[in-house]
Amino acid sequence: MRALIVLLLLMALPARAAMDITRELEVPEHVAPGQPVKVVVTFWTDSWFNPPPEWPEFKIINGSLLTTPLPNQLLTRQKNGISWSGIRMERPLTAWDQGLLRLPALDVTLSSPGQPPVTVHLPELKKEVIWPKGVEQPDRFLPASHLEMTQKIALYHASKDNTLHAGDVVERTVTVKAGGVMATQIPQLLYAIPGTDTQRLTPVNAVLKEGRGDVEGGLREERLRYLPSQAGTITLPPIKLRWWDTAHQQWQLAELPGASMEVAQARAAGSESALRGTTGEGKWLTALSVAAIAILALLIWFSRRVLWRSYNYLRHVWRRFWDPVQLPELSPTKRGK
């Protein structure tokens, strides 16, 4: 009986869960300034987390955390025959200049309701950051694992003559997709050219994701509208972007061809209309209209007998509706007899 009481008392005592935390840097062998790396913090317990763990605050020397959110991961491990559950948290980190990227040693205290606090010592982490040889413009330095650059040039006319006149618009759109980099690190590529006024649209910065939501890189879409102010020739210059290939540790050059366009005199006053882009949509609309008319004609042809019967029936009903109806006389005609 005493053994049963002691067992019940032991079961009623609160469980003493073990807790632990680790921190590490996920970095390649060579790291350049501006190249994002990962700092990983993993919380471990052999019970459950209550409350859920939060990202610890720690000092970073010669670097800073980026704001790009990364998904958490659930992990498991075996240690001394005990199963542990873990929550892995990641944040992108970068150094903006050459030197030593350091995360000083830190003591983190973990607490949980009904449990004594646990203090874990995190050792110092550091990584050397070096500029590659041949850096020409540090403010435009772009380290990326891969890069793709495309462009689109669209002409917008104020009439249907498909001729570019002074006052029309030439819009150039350049899209850059880069791996292992933040979109805000991709430099500006489009600038004004002589003989035109320009209108810069707000660039679009986006995050490239893959798989379960991991950040793979960044995308920047830049648009600039050129407004020719006089007749002549306007030349859109070629675009060259020199970037550092972090996967192969060498310089790469991405290029886009330029274009030249003849600009005619401005149209006569009073002939202005809404700008129309030469995107080829008119041909598709014409083809769709012709196809719709042909289908309608075929439907009418194959259902001509039904339509003819319906027409005769409706005409018969209509005529019956309007035929006069003879009513009996309301007053007696033989009253005097």
Protein backbone atom coordinates (compact mmCIF):
# COMPACT_ATOMS: atom_id res chain seq x y z
CA MET A 1 0.00 0.00 0.00
CA ARG A 2 2.83 2.40 0.87
CA ALA A 3 4.54 1.64 -2.46
CA LEU A 4 1.36 2.54 -4.33
CA ILE A 5 1.03 5.85 -2.45
CA VAL A 6 4.67 6.73 -3.16
CA LEU A 7 4.17 5.93 -6.85
CA LEU A 8 1.10 8.15 -7.02
CA LEU A 9 3.00 11.00 -5.37
CA LEU A 10 5.85 10.67 -7.87
CA MET A 11 3.42 10.73 -10.77
CA ALA A 12 1.78 13.85 -9.35
CA LEU A 13 5.09 15.74 -9.22
CA PRO A 14 5.71 18.07 -12.22
CA ALA A 15 7.95 16.63 -14.93
CA ARG A 16 11.42 18.14 -15.16
CA ALA A 17 11.97 18.77 -18.84
CA ALA A 18 15.52 19.25 -20.12
CA MET A 19 16.17 22.24 -22.40
CA ASP A 20 19.08 23.24 -24.62
CA ILE A 21 19.94 25.75 -27.37
CA THR A 22 22.56 25.82 -30.13
CA ARG A 23 23.75 28.53 -32.52
CA GLU A 24 25.75 28.15 -35.72
CA LEU A 25 26.73 30.00 -38.90
CA GLU A 26 26.00 28.40 -42.26
CA VAL A 27 28.63 29.96 -44.53
CA PRO A 28 30.54 28.85 -47.64
CA GLU A 29 34.31 28.73 -47.72
CA HIS A 30 34.62 32.22 -49.26
CA VAL A 31 32.36 35.07 -48.19
CA ALA A 32 32.27 38.51 -49.83
CA PRO A 33 30.76 41.72 -48.42
CA GLY A 34 27.04 41.86 -49.11
CA GLN A 35 26.76 38.09 -49.56
CA PRO A 36 23.92 36.80 -47.35
CA VAL A 37 24.70 33.87 -45.05
CA LYS A 38 22.54 32.14 -42.44
CA VAL A 39 22.71 32.20 -38.68
CA VAL A 40 20.80 29.25 -37.21
CA VAL A 41 19.42 29.02 -33.66
CA THR A 42 17.91 25.67 -32.57
CA PHE A 43 15.92 25.15 -29.37
CA TRP A 44 15.85 21.60 -27.94
CA THR A 45 13.72 19.88 -25.31
CA ASP A 46 12.93 16.30 -24.28
CA SER A 47 9.37 17.33 -23.42
CA TRP A 48 7.47 20.22 -25.04
CA PHE A 49 7.89 23.96 -25.38
CA ASN A 50 5.69 26.11 -23.18
CA PRO A 51 5.67 28.93 -24.21
CA PRO A 52 7.05 28.62 -27.78
CA PRO A 53 10.70 29.76 -28.09
CA GLU A 54 11.52 33.21 -29.42
CA TRP A 55 14.52 34.47 -31.36
CA PRO A 56 17.22 35.55 -28.87
CA GLU A 57 18.77 38.99 -29.14
CA PHE A 58 22.54 38.99 -29.64
CA LYS A 59 25.18 41.43 -30.85
CA ILE A 60 26.68 41.24 -34.35
CA ILE A 61 30.01 42.91 -35.13
CA ASN A 62 30.70 44.06 -38.73
CA GLY A 63 27.31 42.80 -39.92
CA SER A 64 23.57 42.93 -39.44
CA LEU A 65 20.51 40.72 -39.66
CA LEU A 66 18.28 41.07 -42.71
CA THR A 67 14.52 41.37 -42.47
CA THR A 68 13.69 38.58 -44.93
CA PRO A 69 11.55 36.00 -43.07
CA LEU A 70 12.63 32.37 -43.24
CA PRO A 71 10.38 29.42 -42.25
CA ASN A 72 11.03 27.51 -39.03
CA GLN A 73 11.74 23.77 -39.10
CA LEU A 74 10.85 20.96 -36.67
CA LEU A 75 13.73 18.56 -35.84
CA THR A 76 14.33 15.44 -33.75
CA ARG A 77 17.51 13.88 -32.34
CA GLN A 78 18.67 11.09 -30.04
CA LYS A 79 21.04 11.96 -27.18
CA ASN A 80 22.05 9.44 -24.46
CA GLY A 81 19.09 7.29 -25.41
CA ILE A 82 16.61 10.16 -25.00
CA SER A 83 14.50 11.60 -27.81
CA TRP A 84 14.72 15.37 -28.19
CA SER A 85 12.45 17.68 -30.20
CA GLY A 86 13.79 20.87 -31.72
CA ILE A 87 12.67 24.07 -33.42
CA ARG A 88 15.20 25.42 -35.91
CA MET A 89 15.08 29.17 -36.60
CA GLU A 90 17.06 30.83 -39.39
CA ARG A 91 17.78 34.47 -40.23
CA PRO A 92 19.83 35.89 -43.12
CA LEU A 93 22.92 37.78 -42.05
CA THR A 94 25.40 39.82 -44.06
CA ALA A 95 28.57 41.85 -43.63
CA TRP A 96 28.71 45.12 -45.57
CA ASP A 97 32.49 45.53 -45.56
CA GLN A 98 35.68 43.52 -45.47
CA GLY A 99 36.80 42.26 -42.09
CA LEU A 100 35.81 39.73 -39.45
CA LEU A 101 32.13 38.93 -39.06
CA ARG A 102 31.70 38.12 -35.35
CA LEU A 103 28.90 36.90 -33.12
CA PRO A 104 30.29 37.27 -29.56
CA ALA A 105 29.73 34.58 -26.91
CA LEU A 106 26.39 34.78 -25.18
CA ASP A 107 24.55 33.24 -22.21
CA VAL A 108 20.87 32.52 -22.87
CA THR A 109 18.44 31.67 -20.06
CA LEU A 110 15.57 29.38 -20.97
CA SER A 111 12.47 29.23 -18.80
CA SER A 112 9.21 27.30 -18.78
CA PRO A 113 6.23 27.31 -16.35
CA GLY A 114 6.80 24.92 -13.45
CA GLN A 115 10.45 24.40 -14.47
CA PRO A 116 13.65 25.87 -13.08
CA PRO A 117 15.44 28.28 -15.48
CA VAL A 118 18.24 26.81 -17.57
CA THR A 119 21.23 28.92 -18.68
CA VAL A 120 23.05 27.83 -21.84
CA HIS A 121 26.41 29.26 -22.97
CA LEU A 122 26.69 29.96 -26.71
CA PRO A 123 30.33 30.18 -27.89
CA GLU A 124 31.63 32.91 -30.19
CA LEU A 125 31.15 32.54 -33.94
CA LYS A 126 33.26 34.31 -36.55
CA LYS A 127 33.98 34.32 -40.28
CA GLU A 128 36.45 36.27 -42.39
CA VAL A 129 34.91 38.44 -45.13
CA ILE A 130 37.11 39.51 -48.07
CA TRP A 131 36.55 41.62 -51.17
CA PRO A 132 37.27 39.63 -54.37
CA LYS A 133 40.15 40.82 -56.50
CA GLY A 134 39.14 43.26 -59.22
CA VAL A 135 36.34 45.10 -57.40
CA GLU A 136 35.74 48.37 -59.28
CA GLN A 137 32.56 49.80 -57.75
CA PRO A 138 31.91 48.57 -54.19
CA ASP A 139 28.54 50.37 -54.13
CA ARG A 140 27.39 48.31 -57.15
CA PHE A 141 29.03 45.05 -56.09
CA LEU A 142 26.57 42.16 -56.55
CA PRO A 143 27.50 38.69 -55.21
CA ALA A 144 25.10 36.02 -56.49
CA SER A 145 25.09 32.25 -57.03
CA HIS A 146 23.42 32.71 -60.44
CA LEU A 147 21.87 35.57 -62.39
CA GLU A 148 19.39 35.99 -65.26
CA MET A 149 18.65 39.32 -66.95
CA THR A 150 15.91 39.96 -69.55
CA GLN A 151 14.31 43.01 -71.13
CA LYS A 152 11.19 44.09 -73.01
CA ILE A 153 10.82 47.20 -75.19
CA ALA A 154 7.29 48.42 -75.96
CA LEU A 155 6.23 51.35 -78.18
CA TYR A 156 3.06 53.34 -77.45
CA HIS A 157 1.60 55.40 -80.32
CA ALA A 158 -1.01 58.15 -80.30
CA SER A 159 -2.43 56.93 -83.63
CA LYS A 160 -2.76 53.74 -85.66
CA ASP A 161 0.00 54.46 -88.19
CA ASN A 162 2.55 52.41 -86.17
CA THR A 163 5.12 55.18 -86.68
CA LEU A 164 7.00 56.58 -83.73
CA HIS A 165 6.48 60.34 -83.50
CA ALA A 166 7.72 62.96 -81.10
CA GLY A 167 5.38 62.80 -78.13
CA ASP A 168 4.94 59.01 -78.26
CA VAL A 169 6.38 56.73 -75.58
CA VAL A 170 9.09 54.06 -75.57
CA GLU A 171 8.97 51.89 -72.45
CA ARG A 172 11.92 49.71 -71.49
CA THR A 173 11.52 47.02 -68.82
CA VAL A 174 14.51 45.16 -67.40
CA THR A 175 14.07 42.17 -65.07
CA VAL A 176 16.93 40.71 -63.02
CA LYS A 177 16.64 37.41 -61.13
CA ALA A 178 19.59 36.63 -58.87
CA GLY A 179 20.17 33.69 -56.53
CA GLY A 180 21.55 34.00 -53.03
CA VAL A 181 20.98 37.76 -52.85
CA MET A 182 18.37 40.23 -51.61
CA ALA A 183 16.38 42.17 -54.22
CA THR A 184 17.47 45.51 -52.74
CA GLN A 185 21.11 44.66 -53.53
CA ILE A 186 20.48 44.62 -57.30
CA PRO A 187 21.69 48.02 -58.58
CA GLN A 188 19.80 50.47 -60.79
CA LEU A 189 20.31 49.75 -64.50
CA LEU A 190 18.19 52.25 -66.49
CA TYR A 191 19.08 55.92 -66.93
CA ALA A 192 17.93 58.87 -69.04
CA ILE A 193 19.33 59.36 -72.56
CA PRO A 194 19.81 62.59 -74.57
CA GLY A 195 16.90 63.84 -76.69
CA THR A 196 14.16 62.43 -74.48
CA ASP A 197 12.27 63.19 -71.34
CA THR A 198 11.94 60.27 -68.95
CA GLN A 199 9.41 58.91 -66.51
CA ARG A 200 10.72 56.38 -63.98
CA LEU A 201 8.14 53.96 -62.61
CA THR A 202 8.47 52.49 -59.13
CA PRO A 203 10.72 49.39 -59.28
CA VAL A 204 9.28 46.06 -58.18
CA ASN A 205 11.36 44.10 -55.66
CA ALA A 206 10.30 40.55 -54.81
CA VAL A 207 11.63 37.45 -53.08
CA LEU A 208 12.28 34.28 -55.08
CA LYS A 209 11.22 31.18 -53.16
CA GLU A 210 11.58 27.47 -53.73
CA GLY A 211 10.38 24.20 -52.22
CA ARG A 212 8.88 24.63 -48.78
CA GLY A 213 9.25 28.41 -48.86
CA ASP A 214 13.01 28.79 -48.60
CA VAL A 215 14.31 32.08 -49.97
CA GLU A 216 16.28 31.31 -53.12
CA GLY A 217 17.13 34.85 -54.19
CA GLY A 218 15.70 38.19 -55.24
CA LEU A 219 13.96 39.74 -58.25
CA ARG A 220 14.05 43.37 -59.39
CA GLU A 221 11.91 44.72 -62.23
CA GLU A 222 12.81 48.22 -63.40
CA ARG A 223 10.79 50.29 -65.90
CA LEU A 224 11.70 53.56 -67.55
CA ARG A 225 9.61 55.47 -70.11
CA TYR A 226 11.36 57.59 -72.73
CA LEU A 227 9.36 60.44 -74.30
CA PRO A 228 11.06 61.67 -77.50
CA SER A 229 10.74 65.45 -77.68
CA GLN A 230 11.93 65.98 -81.27
CA ALA A 231 12.40 64.18 -84.58
CA GLY A 232 15.57 62.19 -85.12
CA THR A 233 17.03 58.95 -83.82
CA ILE A 234 16.98 57.74 -80.25
CA THR A 235 19.36 55.00 -79.18
CA LEU A 236 18.74 52.84 -76.15
CA PRO A 237 22.21 51.88 -74.90
CA PRO A 238 23.17 48.25 -74.17
CA ILE A 239 23.10 47.24 -70.52
CA LYS A 240 26.02 45.52 -68.82
CA LEU A 241 25.99 44.19 -65.28
CA ARG A 242 29.23 42.86 -63.81
CA TRP A 243 28.54 40.47 -60.93
CA TRP A 244 30.51 38.15 -58.70
CA ASP A 245 29.70 34.46 -59.13
CA THR A 246 29.84 33.07 -55.59
CA ALA A 247 29.33 29.49 -56.84
CA HIS A 248 32.45 29.52 -59.08
CA GLN A 249 34.38 32.39 -57.42
CA GLN A 250 34.80 34.41 -60.61
CA TRP A 251 33.48 37.55 -62.29
CA GLN A 252 30.60 37.26 -64.76
CA LEU A 253 29.13 39.81 -67.18
CA ALA A 254 25.42 39.90 -68.00
CA GLU A 255 24.51 41.91 -71.12
CA LEU A 256 21.37 43.13 -72.87
CA PRO A 257 21.43 44.58 -76.40
CA GLY A 258 20.45 48.17 -77.11
CA ALA A 259 18.09 49.42 -79.82
CA SER A 260 17.81 52.38 -82.22
CA MET A 261 14.51 53.92 -83.33
CA GLU A 262 13.64 56.67 -85.82
CA VAL A 263 11.38 59.39 -84.50
CA ALA A 264 9.16 61.35 -86.92
CA GLN A 265 7.86 64.87 -86.47
CA ALA A 266 5.12 65.48 -83.93
CA ARG A 267 1.58 64.97 -85.21
CA ALA A 268 -0.56 67.93 -86.22
CA ALA A 269 -2.44 69.66 -83.42
CA GLY A 270 -5.89 68.23 -82.78
CA SER A 271 -5.03 64.70 -83.89
CA GLU A 272 -4.03 63.46 -80.45
CA SER A 273 -5.67 60.35 -79.05
CA ALA A 274 -5.04 57.78 -76.37
CA LEU A 275 -1.65 56.11 -76.60
CA ARG A 276 -1.82 52.61 -78.02
CA GLY A 277 0.88 50.02 -77.44
CA THR A 278 2.18 47.95 -80.34
CA THR A 279 1.74 44.69 -78.49
CA GLY A 280 -0.01 42.75 -81.30
CA GLU A 281 -3.31 42.47 -79.41
CA GLY A 282 -5.26 43.96 -82.35
CA LYS A 283 -4.56 40.95 -84.56
CA TRP A 284 -5.75 38.56 -81.89
CA LEU A 285 -8.96 40.53 -81.34
CA THR A 286 -9.68 40.52 -85.08
CA ALA A 287 -9.08 36.78 -85.31
CA LEU A 288 -11.35 36.11 -82.32
CA SER A 289 -14.10 38.28 -83.81
CA VAL A 290 -13.95 36.44 -87.15
CA ALA A 291 -14.03 33.07 -85.38
CA ALA A 292 -17.04 34.10 -83.27
CA ILE A 293 -18.96 35.26 -86.38
CA ALA A 294 -18.16 32.00 -88.20
CA ILE A 295 -19.36 29.88 -85.25
CA LEU A 296 -22.56 31.92 -84.99
CA ALA A 297 -23.24 31.46 -88.73
CA LEU A 298 -22.76 27.68 -88.41
CA LEU A 299 -25.15 27.50 -85.47
CA ILE A 300 -27.80 29.42 -87.41
CA TRP A 301 -27.36 27.15 -90.45
CA PHE A 302 -27.68 23.85 -88.56
CA SER A 303 -30.67 25.06 -86.54
CA ARG A 304 -32.48 26.76 -89.43
CA ARG A 305 -35.46 24.31 -89.37
CA VAL A 306 -36.07 24.86 -85.66
CA LEU A 307 -35.74 28.61 -86.10
CA TRP A 308 -38.21 28.58 -89.01
CA ARG A 309 -40.81 26.61 -86.99
CA SER A 310 -40.33 28.92 -84.04
CA TYR A 311 -40.80 31.93 -86.29
CA ASN A 312 -44.07 30.57 -87.76
CA TYR A 313 -45.40 29.68 -84.33
CA LEU A 314 -44.65 33.13 -82.92
CA ARG A 315 -46.22 34.81 -85.96
CA HIS A 316 -49.37 32.68 -85.53
CA VAL A 317 -49.62 33.57 -81.84
CA TRP A 318 -49.09 37.22 -82.60
CA ARG A 319 -51.83 37.31 -85.25
CA ARG A 320 -54.30 35.50 -83.00
CA PHE A 321 -53.61 38.00 -80.28
CA TRP A 322 -54.53 40.94 -82.52
CA ASP A 323 -57.55 39.37 -84.31
CA PRO A 324 -60.85 41.11 -83.22
CA VAL A 325 -63.19 39.06 -81.01
CA GLN A 326 -66.95 39.45 -81.60
CA LEU A 327 -68.81 40.25 -78.36
CA PRO A 328 -72.59 39.74 -77.88
CA GLU A 329 -74.77 42.86 -77.99
CA LEU A 330 -75.33 44.28 -74.54
CA SER A 331 -78.82 45.80 -75.15
CA PRO A 332 -81.92 43.85 -76.32
CA THR A 333 -82.85 44.48 -79.92
CA LYS A 334 -86.55 43.32 -79.69
CA ARG A 335 -87.74 45.51 -76.79
CA GLY A 336 -90.62 47.15 -78.71
CA LYS A 337 -92.30 43.92 -79.78
